[in-house]
Amino acid sequence: MDKEAILKKTEEFVRLTLEGEGTGHDWWHIHRVRNTALTLAKEEQAETFIVELAALLHDIADWKFYNGDTAVGPKVAREWLEKWDVPEPIIAHVCEIIERISFKGAGVLNLMKSKEGLCVQDADRLDGLGAIGIARAFAYGGSKGRELHNPNIKPVLHSTFEQYKSDKGSTLNHFYEKLFLLKDRLNTQAAKRIAEDRHQFMEEYVKRFLSEWEGN
């Protein structure tokens, strides 16, 4: 198995599939997640080939764009990796990471079973924090026609995935329903260190947003 060739082909496949996507789940999101995941993998002594493959493929068919179907992403990833004769244990590991990576509601635990999964999940969650996380939140909200903010609709801490994926609240509610929760749901010490500053920046941003909303 030529790992470098498989990674190069996978990068090309993902880039061509997601390039120009406008909701914040584009190729550059994948690029950032891969780089961060590999950095975390070094500290965690995780298998970098699996980490890189999973990071590259983790949003190849995100459930948010397939009517909430979480099976599509792992299916597309499996078909791609089988095409290149990747051994079954590696395929299964990568697909399990993809299946478990997403946040699915405040009350839903979606635990990873491997160091590799922990690294990729943390990298993905870190990209939802800070300045880029804010930009991605509003890009996605705009793509779904969501209001920036509606003070008459309060945030909901969803107890099930069904509730979470059917939510139609404002983008600002998303900060309370997901983004502000990510810091305490990270797995690795390195990710937790990075998250502190990004989380604080988001809190300051929302405070400023609400102040300006009132005309201050």
N, C-alpha and C. Protein backbone atom coordinates (compact mmCIF):
# COMPACT_ATOMS: atom_id res chain seq x y z
N MET A 1 0.84 -1.20 0.00
CA MET A 1 0.00 0.00 0.00
C MET A 1 0.88 1.25 0.00
N ASP A 2 0.68 2.09 -0.99
CA ASP A 2 1.44 3.33 -1.12
C ASP A 2 0.67 4.43 -0.39
N LYS A 3 1.03 4.67 0.86
CA LYS A 3 0.28 5.62 1.68
C LYS A 3 0.32 7.03 1.12
N GLU A 4 1.48 7.45 0.64
CA GLU A 4 1.59 8.81 0.11
C GLU A 4 0.70 9.00 -1.11
N ALA A 5 0.66 8.01 -1.97
CA ALA A 5 -0.17 8.10 -3.17
C ALA A 5 -1.65 8.15 -2.80
N ILE A 6 -2.05 7.36 -1.83
CA ILE A 6 -3.46 7.33 -1.39
C ILE A 6 -3.85 8.68 -0.79
N LEU A 7 -2.97 9.23 0.03
CA LEU A 7 -3.25 10.53 0.63
C LEU A 7 -3.34 11.63 -0.44
N LYS A 8 -2.46 11.57 -1.42
CA LYS A 8 -2.49 12.57 -2.49
C LYS A 8 -3.77 12.47 -3.30
N LYS A 9 -4.17 11.24 -3.65
CA LYS A 9 -5.40 11.05 -4.41
C LYS A 9 -6.62 11.47 -3.60
N THR A 10 -6.59 11.17 -2.31
CA THR A 10 -7.71 11.54 -1.44
C THR A 10 -7.82 13.05 -1.32
N GLU A 11 -6.69 13.71 -1.17
CA GLU A 11 -6.70 15.17 -1.11
C GLU A 11 -7.31 15.76 -2.38
N GLU A 12 -6.92 15.26 -3.52
CA GLU A 12 -7.46 15.76 -4.79
C GLU A 12 -8.96 15.53 -4.87
N PHE A 13 -9.40 14.34 -4.47
CA PHE A 13 -10.82 13.99 -4.49
C PHE A 13 -11.64 14.93 -3.61
N VAL A 14 -11.17 15.16 -2.40
CA VAL A 14 -11.89 16.00 -1.46
C VAL A 14 -11.87 17.45 -1.93
N ARG A 15 -10.73 17.91 -2.39
CA ARG A 15 -10.63 19.31 -2.84
C ARG A 15 -11.57 19.57 -4.00
N LEU A 16 -11.61 18.68 -4.97
CA LEU A 16 -12.49 18.87 -6.12
C LEU A 16 -13.96 18.77 -5.73
N THR A 17 -14.26 17.95 -4.73
CA THR A 17 -15.64 17.79 -4.27
C THR A 17 -16.13 19.01 -3.50
N LEU A 18 -15.29 19.59 -2.67
CA LEU A 18 -15.72 20.63 -1.74
C LEU A 18 -15.25 22.04 -2.09
N GLU A 19 -14.41 22.17 -3.08
CA GLU A 19 -13.87 23.49 -3.43
C GLU A 19 -14.99 24.44 -3.82
N GLY A 20 -14.98 25.63 -3.24
CA GLY A 20 -15.97 26.64 -3.57
C GLY A 20 -17.26 26.52 -2.78
N GLU A 21 -17.38 25.52 -1.92
CA GLU A 21 -18.56 25.34 -1.08
C GLU A 21 -18.67 26.53 -0.13
N GLY A 22 -19.88 27.07 0.07
CA GLY A 22 -20.00 28.35 0.75
C GLY A 22 -20.55 28.33 2.15
N THR A 23 -20.68 27.16 2.77
CA THR A 23 -21.30 27.11 4.10
C THR A 23 -20.29 27.00 5.24
N GLY A 24 -19.00 27.04 4.91
CA GLY A 24 -17.98 26.85 5.94
C GLY A 24 -17.53 25.41 6.06
N HIS A 25 -18.07 24.53 5.22
CA HIS A 25 -17.65 23.12 5.20
C HIS A 25 -16.92 22.84 3.89
N ASP A 26 -16.08 23.76 3.50
CA ASP A 26 -15.39 23.72 2.21
C ASP A 26 -14.03 23.05 2.32
N TRP A 27 -13.28 23.09 1.21
CA TRP A 27 -11.96 22.48 1.20
C TRP A 27 -11.04 23.10 2.24
N TRP A 28 -11.13 24.40 2.44
CA TRP A 28 -10.21 25.04 3.38
C TRP A 28 -10.50 24.65 4.83
N HIS A 29 -11.75 24.33 5.14
CA HIS A 29 -12.06 23.74 6.44
C HIS A 29 -11.33 22.40 6.59
N ILE A 30 -11.39 21.58 5.56
CA ILE A 30 -10.70 20.29 5.58
C ILE A 30 -9.20 20.50 5.74
N HIS A 31 -8.66 21.44 5.02
CA HIS A 31 -7.22 21.74 5.07
C HIS A 31 -6.80 22.11 6.49
N ARG A 32 -7.57 22.96 7.14
CA ARG A 32 -7.24 23.38 8.50
C ARG A 32 -7.37 22.22 9.48
N VAL A 33 -8.44 21.45 9.35
CA VAL A 33 -8.66 20.32 10.25
C VAL A 33 -7.54 19.30 10.10
N ARG A 34 -7.14 19.03 8.89
CA ARG A 34 -6.05 18.07 8.69
C ARG A 34 -4.77 18.54 9.38
N ASN A 35 -4.41 19.79 9.16
CA ASN A 35 -3.17 20.30 9.76
C ASN A 35 -3.22 20.25 11.28
N THR A 36 -4.34 20.66 11.85
CA THR A 36 -4.49 20.65 13.31
C THR A 36 -4.49 19.22 13.84
N ALA A 37 -5.20 18.33 13.15
CA ALA A 37 -5.27 16.94 13.59
C ALA A 37 -3.89 16.28 13.59
N LEU A 38 -3.09 16.58 12.60
CA LEU A 38 -1.74 16.02 12.54
C LEU A 38 -0.86 16.57 13.67
N THR A 39 -1.05 17.84 14.00
CA THR A 39 -0.31 18.42 15.12
C THR A 39 -0.69 17.73 16.42
N LEU A 40 -1.99 17.51 16.63
CA LEU A 40 -2.45 16.82 17.83
C LEU A 40 -1.97 15.37 17.85
N ALA A 41 -1.94 14.75 16.68
CA ALA A 41 -1.53 13.35 16.59
C ALA A 41 -0.10 13.14 17.05
N LYS A 42 0.75 14.10 16.76
CA LYS A 42 2.15 13.99 17.19
C LYS A 42 2.23 13.98 18.71
N GLU A 43 1.48 14.85 19.34
CA GLU A 43 1.51 14.92 20.81
C GLU A 43 0.86 13.67 21.44
N GLU A 44 -0.16 13.15 20.77
CA GLU A 44 -0.88 11.99 21.30
C GLU A 44 -0.28 10.66 20.85
N GLN A 45 0.73 10.74 19.99
CA GLN A 45 1.37 9.54 19.43
C GLN A 45 0.34 8.63 18.74
N ALA A 46 -0.51 9.27 17.93
CA ALA A 46 -1.52 8.55 17.17
C ALA A 46 -0.98 8.20 15.79
N GLU A 47 -1.65 7.26 15.13
CA GLU A 47 -1.25 6.82 13.79
C GLU A 47 -1.64 7.89 12.77
N THR A 48 -0.62 8.54 12.20
CA THR A 48 -0.88 9.72 11.38
C THR A 48 -1.57 9.40 10.05
N PHE A 49 -1.36 8.21 9.51
CA PHE A 49 -2.02 7.87 8.25
C PHE A 49 -3.53 7.83 8.43
N ILE A 50 -3.98 7.19 9.49
CA ILE A 50 -5.42 7.12 9.78
C ILE A 50 -5.96 8.50 10.11
N VAL A 51 -5.22 9.26 10.90
CA VAL A 51 -5.64 10.62 11.26
C VAL A 51 -5.82 11.47 10.01
N GLU A 52 -4.84 11.42 9.11
CA GLU A 52 -4.91 12.26 7.91
C GLU A 52 -6.05 11.83 6.99
N LEU A 53 -6.22 10.54 6.80
CA LEU A 53 -7.32 10.06 5.96
C LEU A 53 -8.67 10.48 6.53
N ALA A 54 -8.84 10.29 7.82
CA ALA A 54 -10.12 10.63 8.45
C ALA A 54 -10.37 12.14 8.41
N ALA A 55 -9.33 12.93 8.62
CA ALA A 55 -9.48 14.38 8.56
C ALA A 55 -9.87 14.82 7.15
N LEU A 56 -9.23 14.24 6.16
CA LEU A 56 -9.55 14.60 4.78
C LEU A 56 -10.98 14.23 4.39
N LEU A 57 -11.46 13.11 4.89
CA LEU A 57 -12.76 12.58 4.46
C LEU A 57 -13.91 12.88 5.42
N HIS A 58 -13.65 13.56 6.52
CA HIS A 58 -14.67 13.64 7.56
C HIS A 58 -15.92 14.41 7.14
N ASP A 59 -15.82 15.31 6.17
CA ASP A 59 -16.99 16.08 5.72
C ASP A 59 -17.31 15.81 4.25
N ILE A 60 -16.87 14.68 3.73
CA ILE A 60 -17.07 14.43 2.31
C ILE A 60 -18.55 14.35 1.95
N ALA A 61 -19.39 13.96 2.90
CA ALA A 61 -20.84 13.94 2.70
C ALA A 61 -21.51 14.16 4.05
N ASP A 62 -21.40 15.38 4.55
CA ASP A 62 -21.89 15.72 5.89
C ASP A 62 -23.40 15.54 5.98
N TRP A 63 -23.86 15.00 7.10
CA TRP A 63 -25.30 14.74 7.29
C TRP A 63 -26.15 15.99 7.14
N LYS A 64 -25.57 17.16 7.43
CA LYS A 64 -26.34 18.40 7.36
C LYS A 64 -26.82 18.70 5.94
N PHE A 65 -26.18 18.09 4.96
CA PHE A 65 -26.54 18.34 3.57
C PHE A 65 -27.19 17.11 2.92
N TYR A 66 -27.50 16.12 3.73
CA TYR A 66 -28.14 14.89 3.25
C TYR A 66 -29.33 14.51 4.13
N ASN A 67 -30.15 15.53 4.43
CA ASN A 67 -31.38 15.32 5.19
C ASN A 67 -31.15 14.59 6.51
N GLY A 68 -30.02 14.87 7.14
CA GLY A 68 -29.75 14.30 8.45
C GLY A 68 -29.28 12.86 8.43
N ASP A 69 -28.97 12.33 7.26
CA ASP A 69 -28.55 10.93 7.13
C ASP A 69 -27.06 10.80 7.48
N THR A 70 -26.76 10.24 8.63
CA THR A 70 -25.36 10.11 9.07
C THR A 70 -24.63 8.95 8.40
N ALA A 71 -25.35 8.14 7.63
CA ALA A 71 -24.73 6.98 7.00
C ALA A 71 -24.03 7.33 5.69
N VAL A 72 -24.38 8.48 5.11
CA VAL A 72 -23.85 8.82 3.79
C VAL A 72 -22.34 9.06 3.82
N GLY A 73 -21.87 9.82 4.80
CA GLY A 73 -20.44 10.13 4.88
C GLY A 73 -19.56 8.89 4.96
N PRO A 74 -19.80 8.00 5.93
CA PRO A 74 -19.01 6.78 6.00
C PRO A 74 -19.12 5.93 4.73
N LYS A 75 -20.29 5.92 4.10
CA LYS A 75 -20.49 5.13 2.87
C LYS A 75 -19.62 5.67 1.74
N VAL A 76 -19.63 6.98 1.55
CA VAL A 76 -18.82 7.59 0.48
C VAL A 76 -17.34 7.36 0.76
N ALA A 77 -16.93 7.53 2.02
CA ALA A 77 -15.53 7.32 2.39
C ALA A 77 -15.11 5.87 2.13
N ARG A 78 -15.96 4.94 2.52
CA ARG A 78 -15.65 3.51 2.31
C ARG A 78 -15.49 3.20 0.82
N GLU A 79 -16.41 3.68 0.03
CA GLU A 79 -16.33 3.41 -1.41
C GLU A 79 -15.05 3.98 -2.01
N TRP A 80 -14.66 5.15 -1.55
CA TRP A 80 -13.44 5.76 -2.05
C TRP A 80 -12.22 4.95 -1.65
N LEU A 81 -12.11 4.58 -0.40
CA LEU A 81 -10.94 3.86 0.10
C LEU A 81 -10.86 2.45 -0.48
N GLU A 82 -11.99 1.80 -0.68
CA GLU A 82 -11.98 0.48 -1.30
C GLU A 82 -11.47 0.54 -2.73
N LYS A 83 -11.74 1.64 -3.38
CA LYS A 83 -11.28 1.83 -4.76
C LYS A 83 -9.76 1.76 -4.85
N TRP A 84 -9.09 2.16 -3.76
CA TRP A 84 -7.62 2.20 -3.73
C TRP A 84 -7.04 1.04 -2.91
N ASP A 85 -7.86 0.03 -2.67
CA ASP A 85 -7.41 -1.20 -2.00
C ASP A 85 -6.79 -0.94 -0.63
N VAL A 86 -7.35 0.02 0.09
CA VAL A 86 -6.92 0.25 1.46
C VAL A 86 -7.39 -0.94 2.31
N PRO A 87 -6.56 -1.47 3.17
CA PRO A 87 -6.95 -2.62 3.99
C PRO A 87 -8.21 -2.36 4.81
N GLU A 88 -9.04 -3.37 4.98
CA GLU A 88 -10.32 -3.24 5.66
C GLU A 88 -10.21 -2.68 7.07
N PRO A 89 -9.23 -3.10 7.90
CA PRO A 89 -9.15 -2.52 9.25
C PRO A 89 -8.97 -1.01 9.24
N ILE A 90 -8.22 -0.50 8.28
CA ILE A 90 -8.02 0.95 8.17
C ILE A 90 -9.31 1.62 7.72
N ILE A 91 -9.97 1.03 6.73
CA ILE A 91 -11.24 1.58 6.25
C ILE A 91 -12.26 1.65 7.39
N ALA A 92 -12.38 0.56 8.14
CA ALA A 92 -13.34 0.51 9.25
C ALA A 92 -13.03 1.57 10.29
N HIS A 93 -11.74 1.76 10.57
CA HIS A 93 -11.33 2.74 11.57
C HIS A 93 -11.67 4.16 11.10
N VAL A 94 -11.35 4.46 9.85
CA VAL A 94 -11.63 5.79 9.30
C VAL A 94 -13.13 6.05 9.29
N CYS A 95 -13.91 5.07 8.87
CA CYS A 95 -15.36 5.25 8.79
C CYS A 95 -15.98 5.41 10.17
N GLU A 96 -15.45 4.73 11.16
CA GLU A 96 -15.96 4.90 12.52
C GLU A 96 -15.70 6.32 13.02
N ILE A 97 -14.54 6.86 12.71
CA ILE A 97 -14.24 8.24 13.10
C ILE A 97 -15.23 9.19 12.45
N ILE A 98 -15.47 9.01 11.16
CA ILE A 98 -16.39 9.88 10.43
C ILE A 98 -17.80 9.78 11.02
N GLU A 99 -18.20 8.58 11.37
CA GLU A 99 -19.54 8.36 11.92
C GLU A 99 -19.72 9.05 13.27
N ARG A 100 -18.66 9.12 14.07
CA ARG A 100 -18.77 9.62 15.44
C ARG A 100 -18.33 11.07 15.61
N ILE A 101 -17.78 11.68 14.56
CA ILE A 101 -17.08 12.96 14.74
C ILE A 101 -18.00 14.12 15.10
N SER A 102 -19.21 14.14 14.57
CA SER A 102 -20.05 15.33 14.67
C SER A 102 -20.67 15.54 16.05
N PHE A 103 -20.82 16.80 16.39
CA PHE A 103 -21.63 17.21 17.54
C PHE A 103 -23.08 16.95 17.19
N LYS A 104 -23.83 16.31 18.07
CA LYS A 104 -25.21 15.94 17.75
C LYS A 104 -26.21 16.40 18.81
N GLY A 105 -25.82 17.41 19.57
CA GLY A 105 -26.75 17.95 20.57
C GLY A 105 -26.11 17.99 21.94
N ALA A 106 -26.51 18.97 22.74
CA ALA A 106 -25.91 19.18 24.06
C ALA A 106 -26.02 17.96 24.95
N GLY A 107 -27.12 17.22 24.81
CA GLY A 107 -27.33 16.07 25.68
C GLY A 107 -26.94 14.74 25.07
N VAL A 108 -26.22 14.79 23.96
CA VAL A 108 -25.86 13.56 23.24
C VAL A 108 -24.36 13.31 23.35
N LEU A 109 -23.98 12.20 23.93
CA LEU A 109 -22.57 11.83 23.99
C LEU A 109 -22.22 11.06 22.72
N ASN A 110 -21.11 11.44 22.10
CA ASN A 110 -20.69 10.80 20.86
C ASN A 110 -19.20 10.51 20.98
N LEU A 111 -18.87 9.54 21.81
CA LEU A 111 -17.49 9.32 22.22
C LEU A 111 -16.69 8.56 21.17
N MET A 112 -15.46 8.99 21.00
CA MET A 112 -14.53 8.30 20.12
C MET A 112 -13.89 7.13 20.86
N LYS A 113 -13.47 6.13 20.10
CA LYS A 113 -12.89 4.93 20.70
C LYS A 113 -11.38 4.83 20.50
N SER A 114 -10.78 5.77 19.78
CA SER A 114 -9.35 5.66 19.48
C SER A 114 -8.66 7.00 19.61
N LYS A 115 -7.35 6.97 19.80
CA LYS A 115 -6.57 8.20 19.85
C LYS A 115 -6.69 8.97 18.55
N GLU A 116 -6.72 8.23 17.44
CA GLU A 116 -6.82 8.87 16.14
C GLU A 116 -8.14 9.65 16.04
N GLY A 117 -9.23 9.02 16.49
CA GLY A 117 -10.52 9.68 16.47
C GLY A 117 -10.56 10.91 17.36
N LEU A 118 -9.94 10.82 18.52
CA LEU A 118 -9.90 11.96 19.43
C LEU A 118 -9.21 13.16 18.78
N CYS A 119 -8.14 12.90 18.07
CA CYS A 119 -7.38 13.98 17.41
C CYS A 119 -8.19 14.65 16.31
N VAL A 120 -8.85 13.85 15.48
CA VAL A 120 -9.62 14.41 14.38
C VAL A 120 -10.85 15.15 14.90
N GLN A 121 -11.52 14.58 15.87
CA GLN A 121 -12.68 15.24 16.45
C GLN A 121 -12.29 16.57 17.09
N ASP A 122 -11.20 16.59 17.82
CA ASP A 122 -10.75 17.84 18.44
C ASP A 122 -10.40 18.88 17.39
N ALA A 123 -9.73 18.47 16.33
CA ALA A 123 -9.35 19.41 15.27
C ALA A 123 -10.59 20.00 14.61
N ASP A 124 -11.58 19.17 14.37
CA ASP A 124 -12.82 19.65 13.77
C ASP A 124 -13.53 20.62 14.70
N ARG A 125 -13.55 20.32 15.97
CA ARG A 125 -14.22 21.20 16.93
C ARG A 125 -13.47 22.51 17.12
N LEU A 126 -12.16 22.47 17.07
CA LEU A 126 -11.38 23.70 17.17
C LEU A 126 -11.69 24.65 16.02
N ASP A 127 -12.01 24.10 14.86
CA ASP A 127 -12.32 24.95 13.70
C ASP A 127 -13.69 25.59 13.84
N GLY A 128 -14.45 25.15 14.83
CA GLY A 128 -15.73 25.79 15.14
C GLY A 128 -15.60 26.87 16.19
N LEU A 129 -14.39 27.13 16.66
CA LEU A 129 -14.15 28.12 17.70
C LEU A 129 -13.38 29.32 17.15
N GLY A 130 -13.39 30.41 17.89
CA GLY A 130 -12.60 31.57 17.54
C GLY A 130 -13.16 32.34 16.36
N ALA A 131 -12.28 33.14 15.73
CA ALA A 131 -12.70 34.02 14.64
C ALA A 131 -13.24 33.22 13.46
N ILE A 132 -12.56 32.13 13.11
CA ILE A 132 -13.03 31.32 12.00
C ILE A 132 -14.33 30.62 12.36
N GLY A 133 -14.45 30.16 13.58
CA GLY A 133 -15.69 29.53 14.00
C GLY A 133 -16.88 30.47 13.89
N ILE A 134 -16.68 31.73 14.25
CA ILE A 134 -17.74 32.73 14.12
C ILE A 134 -18.12 32.92 12.67
N ALA A 135 -17.11 33.06 11.80
CA ALA A 135 -17.38 33.25 10.38
C ALA A 135 -18.12 32.05 9.79
N ARG A 136 -17.72 30.86 10.18
CA ARG A 136 -18.36 29.65 9.66
C ARG A 136 -19.81 29.54 10.13
N ALA A 137 -20.05 29.93 11.39
CA ALA A 137 -21.41 29.86 11.92
C ALA A 137 -22.36 30.74 11.12
N PHE A 138 -21.94 31.96 10.82
CA PHE A 138 -22.82 32.86 10.09
C PHE A 138 -22.92 32.50 8.62
N ALA A 139 -21.85 31.93 8.06
CA ALA A 139 -21.93 31.46 6.68
C ALA A 139 -22.95 30.34 6.55
N TYR A 140 -22.90 29.40 7.49
CA TYR A 140 -23.84 28.27 7.46
C TYR A 140 -25.27 28.76 7.72
N GLY A 141 -25.42 29.63 8.72
CA GLY A 141 -26.75 30.15 9.02
C GLY A 141 -27.35 30.87 7.82
N GLY A 142 -26.55 31.67 7.14
CA GLY A 142 -27.03 32.37 5.96
C GLY A 142 -27.45 31.42 4.86
N SER A 143 -26.69 30.35 4.70
CA SER A 143 -27.02 29.37 3.65
C SER A 143 -28.34 28.67 3.91
N LYS A 144 -28.74 28.62 5.19
CA LYS A 144 -30.00 27.98 5.57
C LYS A 144 -31.13 28.98 5.79
N GLY A 145 -30.85 30.25 5.49
CA GLY A 145 -31.88 31.27 5.64
C GLY A 145 -32.24 31.58 7.07
N ARG A 146 -31.31 31.39 7.98
CA ARG A 146 -31.59 31.62 9.39
C ARG A 146 -31.38 33.08 9.76
N GLU A 147 -32.15 33.55 10.71
CA GLU A 147 -31.98 34.90 11.23
C GLU A 147 -30.63 35.00 11.95
N LEU A 148 -30.06 36.20 11.93
CA LEU A 148 -28.86 36.43 12.73
C LEU A 148 -29.19 36.21 14.21
N HIS A 149 -30.27 36.82 14.64
CA HIS A 149 -30.67 36.75 16.05
C HIS A 149 -32.14 37.06 16.15
N ASN A 150 -32.81 36.39 17.04
CA ASN A 150 -34.21 36.69 17.34
C ASN A 150 -34.38 36.53 18.84
N PRO A 151 -34.44 37.65 19.56
CA PRO A 151 -34.50 37.58 21.03
C PRO A 151 -35.76 36.89 21.55
N ASN A 152 -36.74 36.69 20.68
CA ASN A 152 -37.97 36.01 21.09
C ASN A 152 -37.85 34.49 21.04
N ILE A 153 -36.78 34.00 20.44
CA ILE A 153 -36.55 32.56 20.35
C ILE A 153 -35.33 32.21 21.19
N LYS A 154 -35.52 31.49 22.25
CA LYS A 154 -34.44 31.19 23.18
C LYS A 154 -33.66 29.94 22.74
N PRO A 155 -32.38 29.88 23.08
CA PRO A 155 -31.58 28.68 22.76
C PRO A 155 -32.14 27.45 23.45
N VAL A 156 -31.91 26.30 22.84
CA VAL A 156 -32.38 25.03 23.38
C VAL A 156 -31.19 24.08 23.49
N LEU A 157 -31.01 23.48 24.65
CA LEU A 157 -29.97 22.47 24.82
C LEU A 157 -30.60 21.11 24.49
N HIS A 158 -30.42 20.70 23.25
CA HIS A 158 -31.12 19.54 22.73
C HIS A 158 -30.68 18.25 23.42
N SER A 159 -31.65 17.44 23.75
CA SER A 159 -31.35 16.18 24.45
C SER A 159 -31.22 15.00 23.51
N THR A 160 -31.63 15.19 22.24
CA THR A 160 -31.51 14.12 21.24
C THR A 160 -30.99 14.69 19.93
N PHE A 161 -30.44 13.81 19.12
CA PHE A 161 -29.95 14.20 17.80
C PHE A 161 -31.11 14.65 16.91
N GLU A 162 -32.26 14.01 17.04
CA GLU A 162 -33.42 14.38 16.24
C GLU A 162 -33.82 15.82 16.51
N GLN A 163 -33.80 16.22 17.78
CA GLN A 163 -34.13 17.60 18.13
C GLN A 163 -33.09 18.55 17.56
N TYR A 164 -31.83 18.18 17.70
CA TYR A 164 -30.74 19.05 17.26
C TYR A 164 -30.79 19.31 15.76
N LYS A 165 -30.94 18.23 14.97
CA LYS A 165 -30.86 18.42 13.52
C LYS A 165 -32.12 19.06 12.93
N SER A 166 -33.22 19.08 13.69
CA SER A 166 -34.44 19.72 13.19
C SER A 166 -34.59 21.15 13.71
N ASP A 167 -33.64 21.62 14.50
CA ASP A 167 -33.72 22.96 15.07
C ASP A 167 -33.64 24.03 13.99
N LYS A 168 -34.44 25.07 14.11
CA LYS A 168 -34.48 26.16 13.13
C LYS A 168 -34.15 27.50 13.77
N GLY A 169 -33.47 27.47 14.90
CA GLY A 169 -33.18 28.71 15.62
C GLY A 169 -32.19 29.61 14.91
N SER A 170 -31.98 30.78 15.46
CA SER A 170 -31.08 31.77 14.86
C SER A 170 -29.63 31.33 14.97
N THR A 171 -28.78 32.00 14.21
CA THR A 171 -27.35 31.69 14.27
C THR A 171 -26.78 32.03 15.64
N LEU A 172 -27.23 33.10 16.25
CA LEU A 172 -26.69 33.44 17.57
C LEU A 172 -27.06 32.36 18.59
N ASN A 173 -28.22 31.77 18.47
CA ASN A 173 -28.59 30.67 19.37
C ASN A 173 -27.60 29.51 19.25
N HIS A 174 -27.06 29.33 18.05
CA HIS A 174 -26.11 28.24 17.81
C HIS A 174 -24.88 28.35 18.70
N PHE A 175 -24.52 29.56 19.07
CA PHE A 175 -23.38 29.74 19.98
C PHE A 175 -23.67 29.07 21.31
N TYR A 176 -24.88 29.24 21.81
CA TYR A 176 -25.26 28.67 23.11
C TYR A 176 -25.57 27.18 23.00
N GLU A 177 -26.09 26.78 21.86
CA GLU A 177 -26.51 25.39 21.68
C GLU A 177 -25.37 24.45 21.32
N LYS A 178 -24.27 25.02 20.78
CA LYS A 178 -23.13 24.18 20.40
C LYS A 178 -21.78 24.82 20.69
N LEU A 179 -21.51 25.98 20.08
CA LEU A 179 -20.14 26.50 20.05
C LEU A 179 -19.56 26.76 21.44
N PHE A 180 -20.37 27.31 22.35
CA PHE A 180 -19.87 27.56 23.69
C PHE A 180 -19.66 26.27 24.49
N LEU A 181 -20.21 25.17 24.01
CA LEU A 181 -20.08 23.88 24.70
C LEU A 181 -18.84 23.11 24.28
N LEU A 182 -18.24 23.50 23.16
CA LEU A 182 -17.15 22.69 22.58
C LEU A 182 -15.91 22.65 23.45
N LYS A 183 -15.60 23.76 24.11
CA LYS A 183 -14.38 23.83 24.92
C LYS A 183 -14.30 22.70 25.93
N ASP A 184 -15.44 22.39 26.53
CA ASP A 184 -15.46 21.36 27.57
C ASP A 184 -15.70 19.96 27.01
N ARG A 185 -15.74 19.85 25.70
CA ARG A 185 -15.94 18.54 25.07
C ARG A 185 -14.73 18.12 24.24
N LEU A 186 -13.64 18.79 24.45
CA LEU A 186 -12.41 18.40 23.77
C LEU A 186 -11.73 17.27 24.53
N ASN A 187 -10.94 16.50 23.80
CA ASN A 187 -10.36 15.28 24.36
C ASN A 187 -8.90 15.41 24.76
N THR A 188 -8.12 16.11 23.95
CA THR A 188 -6.67 16.17 24.15
C THR A 188 -6.26 17.44 24.89
N GLN A 189 -5.17 17.36 25.62
CA GLN A 189 -4.69 18.51 26.38
C GLN A 189 -4.27 19.65 25.45
N ALA A 190 -3.66 19.31 24.33
CA ALA A 190 -3.23 20.33 23.38
C ALA A 190 -4.43 21.11 22.84
N ALA A 191 -5.49 20.40 22.49
CA ALA A 191 -6.69 21.06 21.97
C ALA A 191 -7.32 21.95 23.03
N LYS A 192 -7.33 21.48 24.26
CA LYS A 192 -7.91 22.27 25.36
C LYS A 192 -7.14 23.57 25.54
N ARG A 193 -5.83 23.52 25.38
CA ARG A 193 -5.02 24.74 25.51
C ARG A 193 -5.38 25.74 24.40
N ILE A 194 -5.49 25.24 23.19
CA ILE A 194 -5.81 26.11 22.05
C ILE A 194 -7.20 26.72 22.21
N ALA A 195 -8.11 25.92 22.75
CA ALA A 195 -9.51 26.34 22.82
C ALA A 195 -9.75 27.49 23.78
N GLU A 196 -8.95 27.62 24.81
CA GLU A 196 -9.20 28.64 25.83
C GLU A 196 -9.30 30.03 25.23
N ASP A 197 -8.31 30.41 24.45
CA ASP A 197 -8.29 31.75 23.85
C ASP A 197 -9.42 31.92 22.84
N ARG A 198 -9.66 30.90 22.04
CA ARG A 198 -10.71 30.99 21.03
C ARG A 198 -12.09 31.12 21.67
N HIS A 199 -12.30 30.38 22.73
CA HIS A 199 -13.58 30.44 23.44
C HIS A 199 -13.79 31.83 24.03
N GLN A 200 -12.77 32.37 24.63
CA GLN A 200 -12.88 33.70 25.23
C GLN A 200 -13.20 34.75 24.16
N PHE A 201 -12.57 34.62 23.00
CA PHE A 201 -12.83 35.56 21.89
C PHE A 201 -14.30 35.51 21.48
N MET A 202 -14.85 34.30 21.41
CA MET A 202 -16.26 34.17 21.03
C MET A 202 -17.19 34.78 22.07
N GLU A 203 -16.86 34.59 23.34
CA GLU A 203 -17.69 35.19 24.39
C GLU A 203 -17.69 36.71 24.28
N GLU A 204 -16.51 37.27 24.02
CA GLU A 204 -16.41 38.72 23.86
C GLU A 204 -17.18 39.19 22.64
N TYR A 205 -17.12 38.40 21.57
CA TYR A 205 -17.85 38.76 20.35
C TYR A 205 -19.36 38.80 20.59
N VAL A 206 -19.88 37.77 21.24
CA VAL A 206 -21.33 37.70 21.48
C VAL A 206 -21.77 38.83 22.41
N LYS A 207 -20.95 39.15 23.40
CA LYS A 207 -21.26 40.26 24.29
C LYS A 207 -21.36 41.56 23.49
N ARG A 208 -20.41 41.76 22.58
CA ARG A 208 -20.42 42.97 21.74
C ARG A 208 -21.63 42.94 20.78
N PHE A 209 -21.90 41.80 20.22
CA PHE A 209 -23.04 41.65 19.31
C PHE A 209 -24.34 42.08 20.00
N LEU A 210 -24.56 41.56 21.20
CA LEU A 210 -25.80 41.86 21.92
C LEU A 210 -25.88 43.32 22.34
N SER A 211 -24.72 43.90 22.65
CA SER A 211 -24.70 45.33 22.99
C SER A 211 -25.09 46.17 21.78
N GLU A 212 -24.52 45.85 20.63
CA GLU A 212 -24.85 46.60 19.41
C GLU A 212 -26.30 46.35 19.00
N TRP A 213 -26.81 45.15 19.28
CA TRP A 213 -28.20 44.83 18.95
C TRP A 213 -29.16 45.80 19.64
N GLU A 214 -28.77 46.22 20.85
CA GLU A 214 -29.60 47.15 21.63
C GLU A 214 -29.32 48.60 21.27
N GLY A 215 -28.43 48.82 20.29
CA GLY A 215 -28.15 50.18 19.83
C GLY A 215 -27.05 50.86 20.59
N ASN A 216 -26.26 50.10 21.32
CA ASN A 216 -25.16 50.71 22.10
C ASN A 216 -23.89 50.80 21.28
